[in-house]
């Protein structure tokens, strides 16, 4: 089949924050036989990645970033059911922002990126105490637990959650990935997290690399 659909249209739609247009384009792409994974990875995620770069370089402002995120979300709404089919699912991710921290943009972007990569995402929201994270891990049995903090004052709560996972006897059952503006690789290592994500897109890539390496190691044992 000759592909007539140009994925760049979705990319540009996300960058420009064209919410209705991105939704219509995602529907068109599906109708032309393009897979939901391709629409996500080559269209929606690429567009949002470009937005992230522009924001980092002060070429876009927060209202524009939020509109782009809504455009990406409108496209995700179209392909979510297909991505959620068991055959396509990579696994489950629980994600939330720690207690005392009300920042949700980075967390929500990460949630969308992981959803686009094939994860079923359980988004706990912001300002969540440790016990909510622990209960969510027990209930949903995720492969990944994402913990976000954007304040230096709330960062220590990430370590508290990891300690409480150990106390509950479930630390080994889940891979912990952390991120947020003040978070560093060194901090991640110091609290015993498995993966540090400098930004939403890199989180998906680093998680993929982590599981690939883990699988190779278990296969060689």
N, C-alpha and C. Protein backbone atom coordinates (compact mmCIF):
# COMPACT_ATOMS: atom_id res chain seq x y z
N UNK A 1 0.84 -1.20 0.00
CA UNK A 1 0.00 0.00 0.00
C UNK A 1 0.87 1.25 0.00
N UNK A 2 0.55 2.16 -0.88
CA UNK A 2 1.31 3.41 -0.94
C UNK A 2 0.78 4.36 0.11
N UNK A 3 1.68 4.84 0.96
CA UNK A 3 1.26 5.76 2.02
C UNK A 3 1.15 7.17 1.47
N UNK A 4 -0.02 7.75 1.63
CA UNK A 4 -0.22 9.12 1.16
C UNK A 4 -0.19 10.11 2.32
N UNK A 5 -0.33 9.59 3.53
CA UNK A 5 -0.40 10.49 4.69
C UNK A 5 0.99 10.98 5.08
N UNK A 6 1.11 12.28 5.33
CA UNK A 6 2.38 12.87 5.73
C UNK A 6 2.37 13.12 7.23
N UNK A 7 3.20 12.37 7.96
CA UNK A 7 3.23 12.47 9.41
C UNK A 7 3.66 13.86 9.89
N UNK A 8 4.34 14.60 9.01
CA UNK A 8 4.78 15.95 9.38
C UNK A 8 3.60 16.87 9.68
N UNK A 9 2.44 16.53 9.11
CA UNK A 9 1.25 17.34 9.38
C UNK A 9 0.87 17.25 10.86
N UNK A 10 0.97 16.04 11.42
CA UNK A 10 0.68 15.88 12.85
C UNK A 10 1.75 16.59 13.69
N UNK A 11 3.01 16.41 13.30
CA UNK A 11 4.12 17.07 14.00
C UNK A 11 3.89 18.58 14.05
N UNK A 12 3.61 19.17 12.89
CA UNK A 12 3.40 20.63 12.83
C UNK A 12 2.15 21.06 13.58
N UNK A 13 1.12 20.21 13.54
CA UNK A 13 -0.11 20.53 14.26
C UNK A 13 0.11 20.60 15.76
N UNK A 14 0.90 19.66 16.27
CA UNK A 14 1.23 19.66 17.71
C UNK A 14 2.04 20.91 18.05
N UNK A 15 3.06 21.21 17.24
CA UNK A 15 3.92 22.37 17.50
C UNK A 15 3.09 23.66 17.53
N UNK A 16 2.14 23.76 16.60
CA UNK A 16 1.32 24.98 16.51
C UNK A 16 0.13 24.97 17.47
N UNK A 17 -0.05 23.86 18.18
CA UNK A 17 -1.15 23.79 19.15
C UNK A 17 -2.52 23.72 18.52
N UNK A 18 -2.62 23.09 17.35
CA UNK A 18 -3.90 22.98 16.64
C UNK A 18 -4.66 21.75 17.15
N UNK A 19 -5.42 21.94 18.21
CA UNK A 19 -6.06 20.84 18.92
C UNK A 19 -7.01 20.03 18.04
N UNK A 20 -7.97 20.70 17.42
CA UNK A 20 -8.96 19.99 16.58
C UNK A 20 -8.31 19.39 15.35
N UNK A 21 -7.33 20.11 14.80
CA UNK A 21 -6.65 19.64 13.59
C UNK A 21 -5.85 18.35 13.87
N UNK A 22 -5.18 18.31 14.99
CA UNK A 22 -4.39 17.12 15.33
C UNK A 22 -5.32 15.91 15.53
N UNK A 23 -6.45 16.14 16.16
CA UNK A 23 -7.42 15.05 16.35
C UNK A 23 -7.89 14.52 15.00
N UNK A 24 -8.23 15.43 14.09
CA UNK A 24 -8.71 15.03 12.76
C UNK A 24 -7.62 14.31 11.97
N UNK A 25 -6.38 14.78 12.09
CA UNK A 25 -5.26 14.16 11.38
C UNK A 25 -4.99 12.75 11.91
N UNK A 26 -5.09 12.58 13.23
CA UNK A 26 -4.89 11.25 13.82
C UNK A 26 -5.96 10.28 13.32
N UNK A 27 -7.20 10.77 13.21
CA UNK A 27 -8.30 9.94 12.70
C UNK A 27 -8.05 9.58 11.24
N UNK A 28 -7.56 10.56 10.46
CA UNK A 28 -7.27 10.32 9.06
C UNK A 28 -6.15 9.28 8.90
N UNK A 29 -5.10 9.44 9.71
CA UNK A 29 -3.97 8.51 9.64
C UNK A 29 -4.42 7.08 9.95
N UNK A 30 -5.26 6.93 10.98
CA UNK A 30 -5.78 5.61 11.31
C UNK A 30 -6.58 5.02 10.15
N UNK A 31 -7.41 5.86 9.55
CA UNK A 31 -8.27 5.40 8.45
C UNK A 31 -7.45 4.99 7.23
N UNK A 32 -6.22 5.54 7.12
CA UNK A 32 -5.34 5.19 6.00
C UNK A 32 -4.43 4.01 6.34
N UNK A 33 -4.71 3.39 7.48
CA UNK A 33 -4.00 2.15 7.81
C UNK A 33 -2.68 2.34 8.54
N UNK A 34 -2.43 3.53 9.04
CA UNK A 34 -1.20 3.76 9.79
C UNK A 34 -1.42 3.31 11.23
N UNK A 35 -0.45 2.61 11.79
CA UNK A 35 -0.62 2.04 13.12
C UNK A 35 -0.65 3.12 14.20
N UNK A 36 -1.37 2.86 15.30
CA UNK A 36 -1.40 3.83 16.40
C UNK A 36 -0.01 4.10 16.97
N UNK A 37 0.85 3.07 16.98
CA UNK A 37 2.22 3.25 17.49
C UNK A 37 2.99 4.25 16.64
N UNK A 38 2.78 4.15 15.32
CA UNK A 38 3.48 5.06 14.40
C UNK A 38 2.95 6.48 14.53
N UNK A 39 1.64 6.61 14.66
CA UNK A 39 1.04 7.94 14.83
C UNK A 39 1.60 8.60 16.09
N UNK A 40 1.74 7.79 17.13
CA UNK A 40 2.28 8.31 18.39
C UNK A 40 3.76 8.64 18.28
N UNK A 41 4.57 7.64 17.90
CA UNK A 41 6.03 7.80 17.96
C UNK A 41 6.58 8.73 16.89
N UNK A 42 5.96 8.72 15.69
CA UNK A 42 6.50 9.51 14.58
C UNK A 42 5.76 10.83 14.36
N UNK A 43 4.62 10.97 15.04
CA UNK A 43 3.84 12.20 14.89
C UNK A 43 3.74 12.98 16.19
N UNK A 44 2.93 12.46 17.10
CA UNK A 44 2.63 13.18 18.35
C UNK A 44 3.87 13.41 19.21
N UNK A 45 4.66 12.37 19.42
CA UNK A 45 5.83 12.47 20.29
C UNK A 45 6.91 13.35 19.66
N UNK A 46 7.11 13.21 18.35
CA UNK A 46 8.10 14.04 17.66
C UNK A 46 7.71 15.52 17.77
N UNK A 47 6.41 15.80 17.60
CA UNK A 47 5.94 17.19 17.72
C UNK A 47 6.16 17.75 19.11
N UNK A 48 5.83 16.94 20.13
CA UNK A 48 5.98 17.41 21.50
C UNK A 48 7.44 17.53 21.89
N UNK A 49 8.27 16.69 21.30
CA UNK A 49 9.71 16.76 21.53
C UNK A 49 10.25 18.09 21.01
N UNK A 50 9.78 18.49 19.83
CA UNK A 50 10.20 19.76 19.24
C UNK A 50 9.74 20.93 20.11
N UNK A 51 8.53 20.80 20.65
CA UNK A 51 8.02 21.84 21.56
C UNK A 51 8.91 21.96 22.79
N UNK A 52 9.30 20.80 23.35
CA UNK A 52 10.18 20.80 24.52
C UNK A 52 11.50 21.50 24.24
N UNK A 53 12.06 21.25 23.07
CA UNK A 53 13.32 21.90 22.69
C UNK A 53 13.15 23.41 22.56
N UNK A 54 12.06 23.82 21.94
CA UNK A 54 11.80 25.26 21.75
C UNK A 54 11.57 25.96 23.09
N UNK A 55 10.88 25.27 23.98
CA UNK A 55 10.64 25.83 25.31
C UNK A 55 11.97 26.00 26.05
N UNK A 56 12.80 24.96 25.96
CA UNK A 56 14.11 25.00 26.63
C UNK A 56 14.97 26.14 26.10
N UNK A 57 14.82 26.44 24.81
CA UNK A 57 15.61 27.50 24.18
C UNK A 57 14.91 28.86 24.21
N UNK A 58 13.85 28.96 25.02
CA UNK A 58 13.08 30.21 25.15
C UNK A 58 12.47 30.68 23.83
N UNK A 59 12.15 29.73 22.96
CA UNK A 59 11.52 30.06 21.69
C UNK A 59 10.00 29.90 21.77
N UNK A 60 9.53 29.28 22.86
CA UNK A 60 8.10 29.14 23.11
C UNK A 60 7.82 29.47 24.58
N UNK A 61 6.62 29.96 24.84
CA UNK A 61 6.24 30.30 26.21
C UNK A 61 5.22 29.30 26.75
N UNK A 62 5.06 29.30 28.06
CA UNK A 62 4.25 28.27 28.71
C UNK A 62 2.84 28.14 28.15
N UNK A 63 2.10 29.23 27.88
CA UNK A 63 0.76 29.05 27.31
C UNK A 63 0.78 28.27 25.99
N UNK A 64 1.82 28.51 25.18
CA UNK A 64 1.96 27.79 23.91
C UNK A 64 2.28 26.31 24.15
N UNK A 65 3.14 26.05 25.12
CA UNK A 65 3.50 24.67 25.45
C UNK A 65 2.26 23.90 25.92
N UNK A 66 1.46 24.54 26.76
CA UNK A 66 0.25 23.90 27.26
C UNK A 66 -0.74 23.61 26.14
N UNK A 67 -0.84 24.55 25.19
CA UNK A 67 -1.74 24.32 24.06
C UNK A 67 -1.23 23.16 23.20
N UNK A 68 0.08 23.09 23.02
CA UNK A 68 0.67 21.98 22.26
C UNK A 68 0.41 20.65 22.97
N UNK A 69 0.52 20.66 24.30
CA UNK A 69 0.26 19.45 25.09
C UNK A 69 -1.20 19.00 24.91
N UNK A 70 -2.12 19.98 24.85
CA UNK A 70 -3.53 19.65 24.64
C UNK A 70 -3.75 19.09 23.24
N UNK A 71 -2.98 19.62 22.27
CA UNK A 71 -3.09 19.11 20.90
C UNK A 71 -2.60 17.66 20.85
N UNK A 72 -1.47 17.39 21.51
CA UNK A 72 -0.97 16.03 21.55
C UNK A 72 -1.99 15.11 22.22
N UNK A 73 -2.58 15.60 23.30
CA UNK A 73 -3.57 14.82 24.04
C UNK A 73 -4.79 14.50 23.18
N UNK A 74 -5.19 15.46 22.33
CA UNK A 74 -6.35 15.23 21.46
C UNK A 74 -6.06 14.11 20.46
N UNK A 75 -4.80 14.04 20.01
CA UNK A 75 -4.40 12.95 19.13
C UNK A 75 -4.33 11.63 19.87
N UNK A 76 -3.84 11.68 21.10
CA UNK A 76 -3.76 10.47 21.93
C UNK A 76 -5.14 9.90 22.19
N UNK A 77 -6.13 10.78 22.37
CA UNK A 77 -7.50 10.33 22.62
C UNK A 77 -8.00 9.44 21.48
N UNK A 78 -7.56 9.75 20.27
CA UNK A 78 -8.02 9.01 19.09
C UNK A 78 -7.43 7.59 19.07
N UNK A 79 -6.17 7.45 19.48
CA UNK A 79 -5.49 6.15 19.34
C UNK A 79 -5.38 5.39 20.67
N UNK A 80 -5.89 5.97 21.75
CA UNK A 80 -5.71 5.37 23.08
C UNK A 80 -6.25 3.94 23.17
N UNK A 81 -7.44 3.73 22.65
CA UNK A 81 -8.06 2.40 22.76
C UNK A 81 -7.23 1.34 22.04
N UNK A 82 -6.71 1.70 20.86
CA UNK A 82 -5.88 0.73 20.12
C UNK A 82 -4.56 0.48 20.84
N UNK A 83 -3.97 1.53 21.39
CA UNK A 83 -2.73 1.37 22.13
C UNK A 83 -2.94 0.52 23.38
N UNK A 84 -4.14 0.60 23.94
CA UNK A 84 -4.44 -0.10 25.19
C UNK A 84 -4.71 -1.59 25.00
N UNK A 85 -4.85 -2.03 23.75
CA UNK A 85 -5.08 -3.46 23.51
C UNK A 85 -3.90 -4.26 24.05
N UNK A 86 -4.21 -5.39 24.63
CA UNK A 86 -3.19 -6.20 25.33
C UNK A 86 -1.98 -6.52 24.45
N UNK A 87 -2.23 -6.77 23.17
CA UNK A 87 -1.13 -7.15 22.28
C UNK A 87 -0.13 -6.02 22.11
N UNK A 88 -0.62 -4.79 22.26
CA UNK A 88 0.25 -3.64 22.03
C UNK A 88 0.93 -3.14 23.30
N UNK A 89 0.40 -3.51 24.45
CA UNK A 89 0.87 -2.89 25.68
C UNK A 89 2.24 -3.36 26.12
N UNK A 90 3.06 -2.38 26.44
CA UNK A 90 4.42 -2.64 26.95
C UNK A 90 4.35 -3.03 28.42
N UNK A 91 3.46 -2.37 29.16
CA UNK A 91 3.33 -2.60 30.59
C UNK A 91 2.51 -1.49 31.22
N UNK A 92 2.56 -1.42 32.53
CA UNK A 92 1.82 -0.40 33.27
C UNK A 92 2.78 0.53 33.97
N UNK A 93 2.42 1.82 34.00
CA UNK A 93 3.21 2.82 34.72
C UNK A 93 2.30 3.59 35.65
N UNK A 94 2.74 3.75 36.90
CA UNK A 94 2.09 4.65 37.85
C UNK A 94 2.97 5.88 37.96
N UNK A 95 2.39 7.07 37.90
CA UNK A 95 3.18 8.30 37.96
C UNK A 95 2.47 9.36 38.79
N UNK A 96 3.24 10.15 39.53
CA UNK A 96 2.64 11.20 40.34
C UNK A 96 3.69 12.19 40.82
N UNK A 97 3.21 13.32 41.32
CA UNK A 97 4.08 14.34 41.92
C UNK A 97 3.97 14.24 43.44
N UNK A 98 5.11 14.38 44.11
CA UNK A 98 5.17 14.15 45.55
C UNK A 98 4.39 15.17 46.37
N UNK A 99 4.15 14.81 47.61
CA UNK A 99 3.42 15.67 48.55
C UNK A 99 4.11 17.02 48.71
N UNK A 100 3.29 18.08 48.71
CA UNK A 100 3.83 19.44 48.88
C UNK A 100 4.22 20.10 47.59
N UNK A 101 4.07 19.38 46.47
CA UNK A 101 4.48 19.89 45.16
C UNK A 101 3.29 19.86 44.22
N UNK A 102 2.94 21.02 43.66
CA UNK A 102 1.74 21.13 42.83
C UNK A 102 2.04 21.19 41.35
N UNK A 103 3.28 20.89 40.95
CA UNK A 103 3.67 20.98 39.54
C UNK A 103 3.22 19.73 38.77
N UNK A 104 2.55 19.95 37.66
CA UNK A 104 2.05 18.79 36.93
C UNK A 104 2.40 18.77 35.44
N UNK A 105 2.95 19.86 34.90
CA UNK A 105 3.18 19.91 33.45
C UNK A 105 4.18 18.84 33.01
N UNK A 106 5.35 18.81 33.66
CA UNK A 106 6.37 17.82 33.29
C UNK A 106 5.88 16.40 33.49
N UNK A 107 5.18 16.18 34.61
CA UNK A 107 4.63 14.85 34.91
C UNK A 107 3.62 14.44 33.84
N UNK A 108 2.74 15.36 33.47
CA UNK A 108 1.71 15.03 32.49
C UNK A 108 2.31 14.79 31.10
N UNK A 109 3.35 15.54 30.77
CA UNK A 109 4.04 15.31 29.49
C UNK A 109 4.67 13.92 29.49
N UNK A 110 5.32 13.58 30.61
CA UNK A 110 5.94 12.26 30.72
C UNK A 110 4.88 11.17 30.61
N UNK A 111 3.74 11.38 31.27
CA UNK A 111 2.66 10.40 31.22
C UNK A 111 2.20 10.18 29.78
N UNK A 112 2.07 11.29 29.03
CA UNK A 112 1.64 11.17 27.63
C UNK A 112 2.70 10.47 26.79
N UNK A 113 3.97 10.77 27.05
CA UNK A 113 5.06 10.14 26.30
C UNK A 113 5.05 8.62 26.53
N UNK A 114 4.87 8.21 27.79
CA UNK A 114 4.87 6.78 28.10
C UNK A 114 3.62 6.10 27.54
N UNK A 115 2.51 6.83 27.56
CA UNK A 115 1.28 6.28 26.97
C UNK A 115 1.49 6.08 25.47
N UNK A 116 2.14 7.06 24.85
CA UNK A 116 2.43 6.96 23.43
C UNK A 116 3.38 5.83 23.11
N UNK A 117 4.21 5.45 24.08
CA UNK A 117 5.16 4.35 23.88
C UNK A 117 4.54 2.99 24.17
N UNK A 118 3.25 2.98 24.54
CA UNK A 118 2.55 1.72 24.70
C UNK A 118 2.24 1.31 26.13
N UNK A 119 2.49 2.19 27.09
CA UNK A 119 2.20 1.87 28.49
C UNK A 119 0.76 2.24 28.85
N UNK A 120 0.17 1.45 29.72
CA UNK A 120 -1.07 1.88 30.38
C UNK A 120 -0.60 2.75 31.54
N UNK A 121 -1.03 4.02 31.56
CA UNK A 121 -0.52 4.97 32.56
C UNK A 121 -1.60 5.30 33.59
N UNK A 122 -1.24 5.13 34.86
CA UNK A 122 -2.11 5.52 35.97
C UNK A 122 -1.52 6.81 36.55
N UNK A 123 -2.19 7.93 36.31
CA UNK A 123 -1.69 9.24 36.74
C UNK A 123 -2.32 9.61 38.07
N UNK A 124 -1.49 9.64 39.12
CA UNK A 124 -2.00 9.91 40.47
C UNK A 124 -2.28 11.39 40.73
N UNK A 125 -1.72 12.26 39.89
CA UNK A 125 -1.90 13.69 40.10
C UNK A 125 -0.76 14.30 40.92
N UNK A 126 -1.03 15.45 41.53
CA UNK A 126 0.01 16.19 42.26
C UNK A 126 -0.24 16.13 43.77
N UNK A 127 0.79 16.55 44.53
CA UNK A 127 0.67 16.68 45.99
C UNK A 127 0.22 15.37 46.64
N UNK A 128 0.88 14.27 46.24
CA UNK A 128 0.46 12.96 46.72
C UNK A 128 1.41 12.42 47.80
N UNK A 129 0.87 12.05 48.97
CA UNK A 129 1.71 11.50 50.03
C UNK A 129 2.26 10.13 49.65
N UNK A 130 3.30 9.72 50.36
CA UNK A 130 3.99 8.46 50.04
C UNK A 130 3.04 7.27 50.00
N UNK A 131 2.09 7.24 50.95
CA UNK A 131 1.22 6.06 51.03
C UNK A 131 0.37 5.88 49.78
N UNK A 132 0.06 6.98 49.07
CA UNK A 132 -0.72 6.87 47.83
C UNK A 132 0.10 6.14 46.76
N UNK A 133 1.38 6.49 46.68
CA UNK A 133 2.27 5.80 45.74
C UNK A 133 2.37 4.31 46.08
N UNK A 134 2.54 4.01 47.37
CA UNK A 134 2.69 2.61 47.80
C UNK A 134 1.44 1.80 47.48
N UNK A 135 0.28 2.36 47.81
CA UNK A 135 -0.99 1.66 47.56
C UNK A 135 -1.21 1.45 46.06
N UNK A 136 -0.81 2.45 45.26
CA UNK A 136 -0.98 2.34 43.80
C UNK A 136 -0.11 1.22 43.24
N UNK A 137 1.10 1.08 43.78
CA UNK A 137 1.99 -0.01 43.33
C UNK A 137 1.39 -1.36 43.70
N UNK A 138 0.84 -1.45 44.91
CA UNK A 138 0.21 -2.71 45.33
C UNK A 138 -1.00 -3.04 44.46
N UNK A 139 -1.79 -2.02 44.14
CA UNK A 139 -3.03 -2.24 43.39
C UNK A 139 -2.78 -2.55 41.92
N UNK A 140 -1.92 -1.76 41.28
CA UNK A 140 -1.77 -1.84 39.82
C UNK A 140 -0.60 -2.72 39.38
N UNK A 141 0.30 -3.06 40.31
CA UNK A 141 1.47 -3.88 40.00
C UNK A 141 2.19 -3.40 38.73
N UNK A 142 2.59 -2.13 38.70
CA UNK A 142 3.22 -1.58 37.49
C UNK A 142 4.66 -2.04 37.30
N UNK A 143 5.11 -1.99 36.06
CA UNK A 143 6.52 -2.23 35.78
C UNK A 143 7.34 -0.98 36.18
N UNK A 144 6.70 0.19 36.04
CA UNK A 144 7.38 1.46 36.30
C UNK A 144 6.62 2.31 37.30
N UNK A 145 7.38 2.94 38.21
CA UNK A 145 6.81 3.95 39.11
C UNK A 145 7.54 5.26 38.83
N UNK A 146 6.81 6.24 38.32
CA UNK A 146 7.39 7.54 38.03
C UNK A 146 7.11 8.52 39.16
N UNK A 147 8.16 9.14 39.69
CA UNK A 147 8.01 10.11 40.79
C UNK A 147 8.58 11.45 40.34
N UNK A 148 7.76 12.50 40.45
CA UNK A 148 8.16 13.83 39.99
C UNK A 148 8.20 14.82 41.13
N UNK A 149 9.18 15.74 41.07
CA UNK A 149 9.26 16.86 42.02
C UNK A 149 9.94 18.03 41.32
N UNK A 150 9.40 19.22 41.50
CA UNK A 150 10.01 20.40 40.88
C UNK A 150 10.52 21.41 41.90
N UNK A 151 10.50 21.03 43.16
CA UNK A 151 11.02 21.92 44.21
C UNK A 151 12.14 21.20 44.96
N UNK A 152 13.18 21.94 45.30
CA UNK A 152 14.28 21.32 46.07
C UNK A 152 13.78 20.89 47.44
N UNK A 153 12.76 21.58 47.95
CA UNK A 153 12.22 21.25 49.27
C UNK A 153 11.41 19.96 49.28
N UNK A 154 10.89 19.56 48.11
CA UNK A 154 10.07 18.33 48.07
C UNK A 154 10.85 17.13 47.53
N UNK A 155 12.02 17.38 46.98
CA UNK A 155 12.83 16.27 46.43
C UNK A 155 13.08 15.13 47.43
N UNK A 156 13.37 15.43 48.71
CA UNK A 156 13.63 14.32 49.65
C UNK A 156 12.48 13.32 49.76
N UNK A 157 11.26 13.75 49.43
CA UNK A 157 10.11 12.84 49.53
C UNK A 157 10.22 11.69 48.52
N UNK A 158 11.00 11.91 47.46
CA UNK A 158 11.23 10.82 46.51
C UNK A 158 11.94 9.66 47.23
N UNK A 159 12.95 10.01 48.02
CA UNK A 159 13.67 9.00 48.79
C UNK A 159 12.78 8.33 49.82
N UNK A 160 11.86 9.12 50.40
CA UNK A 160 10.92 8.55 51.38
C UNK A 160 10.05 7.47 50.75
N UNK A 161 9.61 7.73 49.51
CA UNK A 161 8.75 6.76 48.82
C UNK A 161 9.52 5.47 48.56
N UNK A 162 10.76 5.60 48.13
CA UNK A 162 11.58 4.40 47.87
C UNK A 162 11.81 3.61 49.16
N UNK A 163 12.06 4.32 50.26
CA UNK A 163 12.23 3.64 51.56
C UNK A 163 10.97 2.92 51.99
N UNK A 164 9.82 3.55 51.73
CA UNK A 164 8.55 2.92 52.12
C UNK A 164 8.22 1.72 51.22
N UNK A 165 8.68 1.76 49.97
CA UNK A 165 8.54 0.58 49.10
C UNK A 165 9.32 -0.59 49.69
N UNK A 166 10.52 -0.28 50.22
CA UNK A 166 11.35 -1.32 50.85
C UNK A 166 10.66 -1.87 52.09
N UNK A 167 10.14 -0.97 52.92
CA UNK A 167 9.47 -1.38 54.16
C UNK A 167 8.25 -2.25 53.87
N UNK A 168 7.59 -1.95 52.75
CA UNK A 168 6.39 -2.73 52.37
C UNK A 168 6.76 -4.04 51.69
N UNK A 169 8.06 -4.23 51.43
CA UNK A 169 8.51 -5.47 50.80
C UNK A 169 8.24 -5.56 49.31
N UNK A 170 8.04 -4.40 48.67
CA UNK A 170 7.69 -4.43 47.23
C UNK A 170 8.67 -3.64 46.37
N UNK A 171 9.80 -3.24 46.95
CA UNK A 171 10.76 -2.44 46.18
C UNK A 171 11.26 -3.19 44.95
N UNK A 172 11.50 -4.49 45.09
CA UNK A 172 12.06 -5.26 43.98
C UNK A 172 11.04 -5.53 42.88
N UNK A 173 9.77 -5.22 43.17
CA UNK A 173 8.72 -5.53 42.19
C UNK A 173 8.52 -4.42 41.14
N UNK A 174 9.15 -3.27 41.36
CA UNK A 174 8.89 -2.13 40.47
C UNK A 174 10.18 -1.36 40.18
N UNK A 175 10.28 -0.86 38.97
CA UNK A 175 11.41 -0.02 38.57
C UNK A 175 11.02 1.44 38.81
N UNK A 176 11.86 2.17 39.55
CA UNK A 176 11.55 3.55 39.91
C UNK A 176 12.30 4.52 38.99
N UNK A 177 11.53 5.41 38.35
CA UNK A 177 12.12 6.44 37.50
C UNK A 177 11.72 7.80 38.07
N UNK A 178 12.70 8.71 38.23
CA UNK A 178 12.40 10.01 38.82
C UNK A 178 12.83 11.13 37.87
N UNK A 179 12.19 12.29 38.04
CA UNK A 179 12.51 13.44 37.21
C UNK A 179 11.95 14.73 37.79
N UNK A 180 12.34 15.84 37.18
CA UNK A 180 11.95 17.15 37.65
C UNK A 180 13.13 18.10 37.55
N UNK A 181 12.85 19.39 37.41
CA UNK A 181 13.90 20.37 37.15
C UNK A 181 15.11 20.31 38.08
N UNK A 182 14.93 20.19 39.41
CA UNK A 182 16.11 20.20 40.30
C UNK A 182 16.78 18.84 40.46
N UNK A 183 16.18 17.79 39.91
CA UNK A 183 16.68 16.44 40.11
C UNK A 183 17.92 16.20 39.23
N UNK A 184 18.88 15.47 39.77
CA UNK A 184 20.11 15.15 39.03
C UNK A 184 20.38 13.65 39.07
N UNK A 185 21.32 13.24 38.24
CA UNK A 185 21.74 11.84 38.22
C UNK A 185 22.29 11.42 39.58
N UNK A 186 23.11 12.31 40.16
CA UNK A 186 23.72 12.02 41.47
C UNK A 186 22.66 11.85 42.55
N UNK A 187 21.65 12.73 42.53
CA UNK A 187 20.57 12.62 43.52
C UNK A 187 19.81 11.32 43.34
N UNK A 188 19.53 10.98 42.07
CA UNK A 188 18.83 9.74 41.76
C UNK A 188 19.57 8.54 42.34
N UNK A 189 20.87 8.54 42.14
CA UNK A 189 21.69 7.44 42.65
C UNK A 189 21.70 7.40 44.17
N UNK A 190 21.73 8.59 44.78
CA UNK A 190 21.83 8.67 46.24
C UNK A 190 20.60 8.13 46.96
N UNK A 191 19.42 8.22 46.31
CA UNK A 191 18.21 7.73 46.96
C UNK A 191 17.83 6.32 46.49
N UNK A 192 18.62 5.78 45.55
CA UNK A 192 18.37 4.41 45.11
C UNK A 192 17.33 4.24 44.03
N UNK A 193 17.09 5.31 43.25
CA UNK A 193 16.18 5.17 42.11
C UNK A 193 16.88 4.37 41.01
N UNK A 194 16.10 3.78 40.12
CA UNK A 194 16.67 2.97 39.05
C UNK A 194 17.04 3.80 37.82
N UNK A 195 16.20 4.80 37.52
CA UNK A 195 16.38 5.60 36.30
C UNK A 195 16.16 7.07 36.61
N UNK A 196 17.01 7.93 36.05
CA UNK A 196 16.82 9.38 36.13
C UNK A 196 16.46 9.89 34.74
N UNK A 197 15.39 10.66 34.64
CA UNK A 197 14.96 11.20 33.35
C UNK A 197 15.11 12.72 33.35
N UNK A 198 16.05 13.27 32.56
CA UNK A 198 16.23 14.72 32.48
C UNK A 198 15.03 15.43 31.90
N UNK A 199 14.26 14.73 31.05
CA UNK A 199 13.04 15.32 30.47
C UNK A 199 12.09 14.18 30.08
N UNK A 200 10.90 14.57 29.64
CA UNK A 200 9.85 13.59 29.38
C UNK A 200 10.25 12.59 28.29
N UNK A 201 10.82 13.07 27.20
CA UNK A 201 11.16 12.18 26.08
C UNK A 201 12.28 11.20 26.48
N UNK A 202 13.29 11.74 27.18
CA UNK A 202 14.42 10.87 27.54
C UNK A 202 13.99 9.78 28.52
N UNK A 203 12.93 10.04 29.27
CA UNK A 203 12.44 9.04 30.21
C UNK A 203 12.05 7.76 29.51
N UNK A 204 11.33 7.88 28.40
CA UNK A 204 10.91 6.71 27.63
C UNK A 204 12.13 5.96 27.10
N UNK A 205 13.09 6.72 26.56
CA UNK A 205 14.29 6.10 25.98
C UNK A 205 15.11 5.39 27.06
N UNK A 206 15.28 6.06 28.21
CA UNK A 206 16.08 5.46 29.28
C UNK A 206 15.40 4.23 29.88
N UNK A 207 14.09 4.27 29.96
CA UNK A 207 13.35 3.10 30.47
C UNK A 207 13.51 1.93 29.51
N UNK A 208 13.43 2.22 28.22
CA UNK A 208 13.58 1.18 27.21
C UNK A 208 14.98 0.54 27.31
N UNK A 209 15.99 1.39 27.45
CA UNK A 209 17.37 0.91 27.57
C UNK A 209 17.55 0.07 28.85
N UNK A 210 16.95 0.55 29.94
CA UNK A 210 17.07 -0.14 31.23
C UNK A 210 16.49 -1.55 31.15
N UNK A 211 15.29 -1.67 30.59
CA UNK A 211 14.63 -2.98 30.51
C UNK A 211 15.34 -3.90 29.52
N UNK A 212 15.87 -3.31 28.45
CA UNK A 212 16.62 -4.10 27.47
C UNK A 212 17.87 -4.71 28.12
N UNK A 213 18.57 -3.87 28.91
CA UNK A 213 19.78 -4.32 29.59
C UNK A 213 19.44 -5.38 30.65
N UNK A 214 18.35 -5.13 31.37
CA UNK A 214 17.91 -6.06 32.42
C UNK A 214 17.54 -7.41 31.82
N UNK A 215 16.87 -7.38 30.68
CA UNK A 215 16.48 -8.61 30.00
C UNK A 215 17.68 -9.39 29.51
N UNK A 216 18.68 -8.65 29.00
CA UNK A 216 19.90 -9.29 28.51
C UNK A 216 20.67 -9.94 29.65
N UNK A 217 20.70 -9.25 30.80
CA UNK A 217 21.42 -9.78 31.97
C UNK A 217 20.75 -11.03 32.52
N UNK A 218 19.41 -11.00 32.57
CA UNK A 218 18.69 -12.17 33.10
C UNK A 218 18.77 -13.34 32.13
N UNK A 219 18.90 -13.02 30.84
CA UNK A 219 19.02 -14.08 29.84
C UNK A 219 20.38 -14.76 29.86
N UNK A 220 21.39 -14.01 30.32
CA UNK A 220 22.73 -14.58 30.36
C UNK A 220 23.02 -15.36 31.64
N UNK A 221 22.09 -15.22 32.62
CA UNK A 221 22.29 -15.92 33.92
C UNK A 221 21.76 -17.35 33.82
